[in-house]
Amino acid sequence: MSNTVKSIKGTKTETNIVNSYLAESQSFARYTFYASIADKESYFPVGVAFRETANNELHHAKVFLKMLENTDFKTTTGVDAGFLGDTVANLQTSIKEESVDGYEFYHSAAETARKEGFDDIATHFDAIAEVEKFHHDRFQLLLDHINNNTLWKREKPVTWKCLVCGYSVVATEPPVKCPGCDHPYQHYVALEDGFAPAPMDA
């Protein structure tokens, strides 16, 4: 029985992998820039989300790079020229990117890979698509919180955690000043927003 691995060279899957590698690399840089902007505007929870997402995208890029064979590939893919706006605008851009150029594209790429006989690559595309969907949903949630003035104020108690010292408290709002490190409330995140697992019910 042959152990020869089927080559991706010249396939649509190869093109999709190259475009994915380039897109994820650009996303890593863009989200890193967005995180700095969020911090400057005191949206520290959003900065954390952008940095975590950037780190995910960097690892996605590595996954796709490792799939490529040792050969030059000519590509006509464009450069993602998304502008650097304020945090609200950056979240809006990110939501679109994570849907159209994220999970929608990756599910399509997975289907193509399966048709071309690359089941393992298809599995990776589908898995990364699920991560992109999480990114999309969390960005949308953060944008909704900003627009509704609920980023640091909730109707029901949630678990707030200080990004600086780790102090946590269950309440409808974080402390105005952290009792552990004296940083202002903007340094708190609601764990229920996807920053970490929410505590289990007693």
C-alpha atoms as a PDB file:
ATOM      1  CA  MET A   1       0.000   0.000   0.000  1.00  0.00           C
ATOM      2  CA  SER A   2       1.434   3.366  -1.013  1.00  0.00           C
ATOM      3  CA  ASN A   3       2.195   5.989   1.633  1.00  0.00           C
ATOM      4  CA  THR A   4       2.546   8.735  -0.964  1.00  0.00           C
ATOM      5  CA  VAL A   5       0.863  11.951   0.124  1.00  0.00           C
ATOM      6  CA  LYS A   6      -1.258  13.579  -2.550  1.00  0.00           C
ATOM      7  CA  SER A   7       0.245  16.865  -3.720  1.00  0.00           C
ATOM      8  CA  ILE A   8      -1.764  20.077  -3.450  1.00  0.00           C
ATOM      9  CA  LYS A   9       0.258  21.660  -6.236  1.00  0.00           C
ATOM     10  CA  GLY A  10      -1.894  23.287  -8.895  1.00  0.00           C
ATOM     11  CA  THR A  11      -5.155  22.713  -7.021  1.00  0.00           C
ATOM     12  CA  LYS A  12      -7.799  25.176  -5.885  1.00  0.00           C
ATOM     13  CA  THR A  13      -7.003  24.049  -2.353  1.00  0.00           C
ATOM     14  CA  GLU A  14      -3.435  25.248  -2.743  1.00  0.00           C
ATOM     15  CA  THR A  15      -4.730  28.665  -3.776  1.00  0.00           C
ATOM     16  CA  ASN A  16      -7.080  28.744  -0.796  1.00  0.00           C
ATOM     17  CA  ILE A  17      -4.263  27.828   1.587  1.00  0.00           C
ATOM     18  CA  VAL A  18      -1.980  30.554   0.226  1.00  0.00           C
ATOM     19  CA  ASN A  19      -4.729  33.171   0.443  1.00  0.00           C
ATOM     20  CA  SER A  20      -5.573  32.012   3.963  1.00  0.00           C
ATOM     21  CA  TYR A  21      -1.945  32.268   5.072  1.00  0.00           C
ATOM     22  CA  LEU A  22      -1.677  35.816   3.712  1.00  0.00           C
ATOM     23  CA  ALA A  23      -5.041  36.883   5.166  1.00  0.00           C
ATOM     24  CA  GLU A  24      -4.256  35.502   8.624  1.00  0.00           C
ATOM     25  CA  SER A  25      -0.856  37.204   8.624  1.00  0.00           C
ATOM     26  CA  GLN A  26      -2.483  40.524   7.772  1.00  0.00           C
ATOM     27  CA  SER A  27      -5.149  39.974  10.435  1.00  0.00           C
ATOM     28  CA  PHE A  28      -2.460  39.430  13.054  1.00  0.00           C
ATOM     29  CA  ALA A  29      -0.934  42.823  12.260  1.00  0.00           C
ATOM     30  CA  ARG A  30      -4.282  44.627  11.982  1.00  0.00           C
ATOM     31  CA  TYR A  31      -5.653  43.301  15.284  1.00  0.00           C
ATOM     32  CA  THR A  32      -2.403  44.175  17.020  1.00  0.00           C
ATOM     33  CA  PHE A  33      -2.814  47.767  15.813  1.00  0.00           C
ATOM     34  CA  TYR A  34      -6.487  47.761  16.854  1.00  0.00           C
ATOM     35  CA  ALA A  35      -5.549  46.584  20.355  1.00  0.00           C
ATOM     36  CA  SER A  36      -3.243  49.567  20.839  1.00  0.00           C
ATOM     37  CA  ILE A  37      -6.001  51.939  19.737  1.00  0.00           C
ATOM     38  CA  ALA A  38      -8.475  50.323  22.150  1.00  0.00           C
ATOM     39  CA  ASP A  39      -6.020  50.737  25.016  1.00  0.00           C
ATOM     40  CA  LYS A  40      -5.484  54.408  24.188  1.00  0.00           C
ATOM     41  CA  GLU A  41      -9.270  54.899  24.340  1.00  0.00           C
ATOM     42  CA  SER A  42      -9.428  53.017  27.696  1.00  0.00           C
ATOM     43  CA  TYR A  43     -11.385  50.124  26.162  1.00  0.00           C
ATOM     44  CA  PHE A  44      -9.074  47.625  27.817  1.00  0.00           C
ATOM     45  CA  PRO A  45     -11.453  44.628  27.501  1.00  0.00           C
ATOM     46  CA  VAL A  46     -11.580  45.242  23.741  1.00  0.00           C
ATOM     47  CA  GLY A  47      -7.803  45.506  23.635  1.00  0.00           C
ATOM     48  CA  VAL A  48      -7.566  42.111  25.313  1.00  0.00           C
ATOM     49  CA  ALA A  49      -9.985  40.610  22.780  1.00  0.00           C
ATOM     50  CA  PHE A  50      -8.036  42.055  19.859  1.00  0.00           C
ATOM     51  CA  ARG A  51      -4.730  40.724  21.211  1.00  0.00           C
ATOM     52  CA  GLU A  52      -6.120  37.260  21.842  1.00  0.00           C
ATOM     53  CA  THR A  53      -7.609  37.236  18.370  1.00  0.00           C
ATOM     54  CA  ALA A  54      -4.315  38.427  16.858  1.00  0.00           C
ATOM     55  CA  ASN A  55      -2.528  35.560  18.588  1.00  0.00           C
ATOM     56  CA  ASN A  56      -5.081  33.078  17.228  1.00  0.00           C
ATOM     57  CA  GLU A  57      -4.654  34.466  13.712  1.00  0.00           C
ATOM     58  CA  LEU A  58      -0.871  34.174  13.948  1.00  0.00           C
ATOM     59  CA  HIS A  59      -1.193  30.492  14.809  1.00  0.00           C
ATOM     60  CA  HIS A  60      -3.697  30.007  11.993  1.00  0.00           C
ATOM     61  CA  ALA A  61      -1.144  31.502   9.617  1.00  0.00           C
ATOM     62  CA  LYS A  62       1.428  28.969  10.834  1.00  0.00           C
ATOM     63  CA  VAL A  63      -1.013  26.104  10.256  1.00  0.00           C
ATOM     64  CA  PHE A  64      -1.551  27.186   6.659  1.00  0.00           C
ATOM     65  CA  LEU A  65       2.146  27.848   6.044  1.00  0.00           C
ATOM     66  CA  LYS A  66       2.981  24.301   7.150  1.00  0.00           C
ATOM     67  CA  MET A  67       0.479  22.935   4.628  1.00  0.00           C
ATOM     68  CA  LEU A  68       2.272  24.542   1.705  1.00  0.00           C
ATOM     69  CA  GLU A  69       4.814  22.613  -0.287  1.00  0.00           C
ATOM     70  CA  ASN A  70       8.328  23.938  -0.761  1.00  0.00           C
ATOM     71  CA  THR A  71       7.662  25.877  -3.917  1.00  0.00           C
ATOM     72  CA  ASP A  72       7.038  29.398  -5.161  1.00  0.00           C
ATOM     73  CA  PHE A  73       3.421  30.361  -5.683  1.00  0.00           C
ATOM     74  CA  LYS A  74       2.270  33.324  -7.722  1.00  0.00           C
ATOM     75  CA  THR A  75      -0.800  34.926  -6.203  1.00  0.00           C
ATOM     76  CA  THR A  76      -3.046  37.798  -7.183  1.00  0.00           C
ATOM     77  CA  THR A  77      -4.592  38.222  -3.749  1.00  0.00           C
ATOM     78  CA  GLY A  78      -4.944  41.829  -2.647  1.00  0.00           C
ATOM     79  CA  VAL A  79      -3.684  43.589   0.429  1.00  0.00           C
ATOM     80  CA  ASP A  80      -6.198  44.108   3.200  1.00  0.00           C
ATOM     81  CA  ALA A  81      -6.161  47.899   3.304  1.00  0.00           C
ATOM     82  CA  GLY A  82      -8.544  48.265   6.228  1.00  0.00           C
ATOM     83  CA  PHE A  83      -8.141  51.694   7.780  1.00  0.00           C
ATOM     84  CA  LEU A  84      -7.209  52.352  11.383  1.00  0.00           C
ATOM     85  CA  GLY A  85     -10.253  53.978  12.945  1.00  0.00           C
ATOM     86  CA  ASP A  86     -11.501  54.372  16.473  1.00  0.00           C
ATOM     87  CA  THR A  87     -12.463  51.273  18.461  1.00  0.00           C
ATOM     88  CA  VAL A  88     -16.069  51.255  17.282  1.00  0.00           C
ATOM     89  CA  ALA A  89     -15.033  51.471  13.624  1.00  0.00           C
ATOM     90  CA  ASN A  90     -12.333  48.843  14.155  1.00  0.00           C
ATOM     91  CA  LEU A  91     -14.851  46.454  15.683  1.00  0.00           C
ATOM     92  CA  GLN A  92     -17.202  47.013  12.749  1.00  0.00           C
ATOM     93  CA  THR A  93     -14.402  46.221  10.293  1.00  0.00           C
ATOM     94  CA  SER A  94     -13.417  43.146  12.296  1.00  0.00           C
ATOM     95  CA  ILE A  95     -16.962  41.782  12.381  1.00  0.00           C
ATOM     96  CA  LYS A  96     -17.144  41.892   8.597  1.00  0.00           C
ATOM     97  CA  GLU A  97     -13.683  40.369   8.193  1.00  0.00           C
ATOM     98  CA  GLU A  98     -14.428  37.487  10.540  1.00  0.00           C
ATOM     99  CA  SER A  99     -17.622  36.591   8.691  1.00  0.00           C
ATOM    100  CA  VAL A 100     -17.122  37.158   4.953  1.00  0.00           C
ATOM    101  CA  ASP A 101     -13.369  36.559   4.862  1.00  0.00           C
ATOM    102  CA  GLY A 102     -13.422  34.304   7.922  1.00  0.00           C
ATOM    103  CA  TYR A 103     -15.816  31.489   8.651  1.00  0.00           C
ATOM    104  CA  GLU A 104     -17.787  31.778   5.396  1.00  0.00           C
ATOM    105  CA  PHE A 105     -14.623  31.513   3.296  1.00  0.00           C
ATOM    106  CA  TYR A 106     -13.156  28.687   5.381  1.00  0.00           C
ATOM    107  CA  HIS A 107     -16.283  26.541   5.200  1.00  0.00           C
ATOM    108  CA  SER A 108     -16.233  27.020   1.425  1.00  0.00           C
ATOM    109  CA  ALA A 109     -12.521  26.156   1.324  1.00  0.00           C
ATOM    110  CA  ALA A 110     -13.222  23.014   3.366  1.00  0.00           C
ATOM    111  CA  GLU A 111     -15.845  21.905   0.858  1.00  0.00           C
ATOM    112  CA  THR A 112     -13.395  22.464  -1.992  1.00  0.00           C
ATOM    113  CA  ALA A 113     -10.657  20.532  -0.189  1.00  0.00           C
ATOM    114  CA  ARG A 114     -12.925  17.546   0.326  1.00  0.00           C
ATOM    115  CA  LYS A 115     -13.947  17.525  -3.336  1.00  0.00           C
ATOM    116  CA  GLU A 116     -10.261  17.522  -4.266  1.00  0.00           C
ATOM    117  CA  GLY A 117      -9.471  14.674  -1.877  1.00  0.00           C
ATOM    118  CA  PHE A 118      -7.794  16.596   0.955  1.00  0.00           C
ATOM    119  CA  ASP A 119      -9.898  15.507   3.922  1.00  0.00           C
ATOM    120  CA  ASP A 120      -7.321  16.442   6.562  1.00  0.00           C
ATOM    121  CA  ILE A 121      -6.970  19.952   5.161  1.00  0.00           C
ATOM    122  CA  ALA A 122     -10.755  20.263   5.031  1.00  0.00           C
ATOM    123  CA  THR A 123     -10.961  19.335   8.711  1.00  0.00           C
ATOM    124  CA  HIS A 124      -8.485  22.112   9.549  1.00  0.00           C
ATOM    125  CA  PHE A 125     -10.450  24.645   7.502  1.00  0.00           C
ATOM    126  CA  ASP A 126     -13.682  23.712   9.284  1.00  0.00           C
ATOM    127  CA  ALA A 127     -12.063  23.899  12.721  1.00  0.00           C
ATOM    128  CA  ILE A 128     -10.545  27.307  12.058  1.00  0.00           C
ATOM    129  CA  ALA A 129     -13.899  28.478  10.694  1.00  0.00           C
ATOM    130  CA  GLU A 130     -15.403  27.763  14.121  1.00  0.00           C
ATOM    131  CA  VAL A 131     -12.715  29.895  15.767  1.00  0.00           C
ATOM    132  CA  GLU A 132     -13.453  32.723  13.334  1.00  0.00           C
ATOM    133  CA  LYS A 133     -17.148  32.458  14.224  1.00  0.00           C
ATOM    134  CA  PHE A 134     -16.261  32.876  17.906  1.00  0.00           C
ATOM    135  CA  HIS A 135     -14.150  35.928  17.031  1.00  0.00           C
ATOM    136  CA  HIS A 136     -17.063  37.390  15.072  1.00  0.00           C
ATOM    137  CA  ASP A 137     -19.569  36.809  17.869  1.00  0.00           C
ATOM    138  CA  ARG A 138     -17.338  38.289  20.562  1.00  0.00           C
ATOM    139  CA  PHE A 139     -16.545  41.371  18.487  1.00  0.00           C
ATOM    140  CA  GLN A 140     -20.278  41.842  17.882  1.00  0.00           C
ATOM    141  CA  LEU A 141     -20.975  41.454  21.592  1.00  0.00           C
ATOM    142  CA  LEU A 142     -18.326  44.040  22.501  1.00  0.00           C
ATOM    143  CA  LEU A 143     -19.637  46.466  19.901  1.00  0.00           C
ATOM    144  CA  ASP A 144     -23.174  46.038  21.257  1.00  0.00           C
ATOM    145  CA  HIS A 145     -21.925  46.685  24.786  1.00  0.00           C
ATOM    146  CA  ILE A 146     -20.201  49.901  23.710  1.00  0.00           C
ATOM    147  CA  ASN A 147     -23.247  51.108  21.784  1.00  0.00           C
ATOM    148  CA  ASN A 148     -25.594  50.241  24.657  1.00  0.00           C
ATOM    149  CA  ASN A 149     -23.299  51.556  27.418  1.00  0.00           C
ATOM    150  CA  THR A 150     -23.203  48.094  28.992  1.00  0.00           C
ATOM    151  CA  LEU A 151     -19.493  47.294  28.693  1.00  0.00           C
ATOM    152  CA  TRP A 152     -19.153  47.950  32.436  1.00  0.00           C
ATOM    153  CA  LYS A 153     -22.797  47.898  33.569  1.00  0.00           C
ATOM    154  CA  ARG A 154     -25.215  44.951  33.488  1.00  0.00           C
ATOM    155  CA  GLU A 155     -28.788  44.345  34.580  1.00  0.00           C
ATOM    156  CA  LYS A 156     -27.844  41.102  36.302  1.00  0.00           C
ATOM    157  CA  PRO A 157     -24.684  40.315  38.283  1.00  0.00           C
ATOM    158  CA  VAL A 158     -21.736  38.956  36.311  1.00  0.00           C
ATOM    159  CA  THR A 159     -18.172  38.094  37.266  1.00  0.00           C
ATOM    160  CA  TRP A 160     -15.836  41.049  36.787  1.00  0.00           C
ATOM    161  CA  LYS A 161     -12.086  40.435  36.747  1.00  0.00           C
ATOM    162  CA  CYS A 162      -9.329  43.039  36.944  1.00  0.00           C
ATOM    163  CA  LEU A 163      -6.910  42.676  34.051  1.00  0.00           C
ATOM    164  CA  VAL A 164      -4.092  44.087  36.160  1.00  0.00           C
ATOM    165  CA  CYS A 165      -4.140  42.231  39.473  1.00  0.00           C
ATOM    166  CA  GLY A 166      -6.718  39.483  38.912  1.00  0.00           C
ATOM    167  CA  TYR A 167      -9.159  40.561  41.614  1.00  0.00           C
ATOM    168  CA  SER A 168     -12.689  39.395  40.785  1.00  0.00           C
ATOM    169  CA  VAL A 169     -16.126  40.245  42.066  1.00  0.00           C
ATOM    170  CA  VAL A 170     -19.725  39.299  41.165  1.00  0.00           C
ATOM    171  CA  ALA A 171     -21.847  42.430  40.705  1.00  0.00           C
ATOM    172  CA  THR A 172     -23.762  44.454  38.132  1.00  0.00           C
ATOM    173  CA  GLU A 173     -20.769  46.802  37.803  1.00  0.00           C
ATOM    174  CA  PRO A 174     -17.048  46.535  38.532  1.00  0.00           C
ATOM    175  CA  PRO A 175     -15.567  48.614  41.359  1.00  0.00           C
ATOM    176  CA  VAL A 176     -14.937  52.251  40.425  1.00  0.00           C
ATOM    177  CA  LYS A 177     -11.385  51.658  41.670  1.00  0.00           C
ATOM    178  CA  CYS A 178      -9.950  48.172  42.019  1.00  0.00           C
ATOM    179  CA  PRO A 179      -9.482  47.340  45.719  1.00  0.00           C
ATOM    180  CA  GLY A 180      -6.483  45.210  44.813  1.00  0.00           C
ATOM    181  CA  CYS A 181      -4.393  47.513  42.638  1.00  0.00           C
ATOM    182  CA  ASP A 182      -6.226  50.880  42.503  1.00  0.00           C
ATOM    183  CA  HIS A 183      -6.686  50.792  38.720  1.00  0.00           C
ATOM    184  CA  PRO A 184      -9.960  52.312  37.427  1.00  0.00           C
ATOM    185  CA  TYR A 185     -12.965  50.221  36.383  1.00  0.00           C
ATOM    186  CA  GLN A 186     -12.020  50.351  32.689  1.00  0.00           C
ATOM    187  CA  HIS A 187      -9.449  47.627  33.432  1.00  0.00           C
ATOM    188  CA  TYR A 188     -12.198  45.127  34.307  1.00  0.00           C
ATOM    189  CA  VAL A 189     -13.627  42.491  31.967  1.00  0.00           C
ATOM    190  CA  ALA A 190     -16.815  40.488  32.330  1.00  0.00           C
ATOM    191  CA  LEU A 191     -15.790  36.840  32.177  1.00  0.00           C
ATOM    192  CA  GLU A 192     -19.190  35.933  30.747  1.00  0.00           C
ATOM    193  CA  ASP A 193     -18.280  37.878  27.590  1.00  0.00           C
ATOM    194  CA  GLY A 194     -15.914  35.139  26.503  1.00  0.00           C
ATOM    195  CA  PHE A 195     -12.683  36.233  28.139  1.00  0.00           C
ATOM    196  CA  ALA A 196     -12.591  33.143  30.346  1.00  0.00           C
ATOM    197  CA  PRO A 197     -15.058  30.455  31.420  1.00  0.00           C
ATOM    198  CA  ALA A 198     -17.852  31.825  33.590  1.00  0.00           C
ATOM    199  CA  PRO A 199     -18.067  30.277  37.085  1.00  0.00           C
ATOM    200  CA  MET A 200     -20.188  27.166  37.440  1.00  0.00           C
ATOM    201  CA  ASP A 201     -23.547  27.494  39.174  1.00  0.00           C
ATOM    202  CA  ALA A 202     -23.463  26.295  42.766  1.00  0.00           C
END
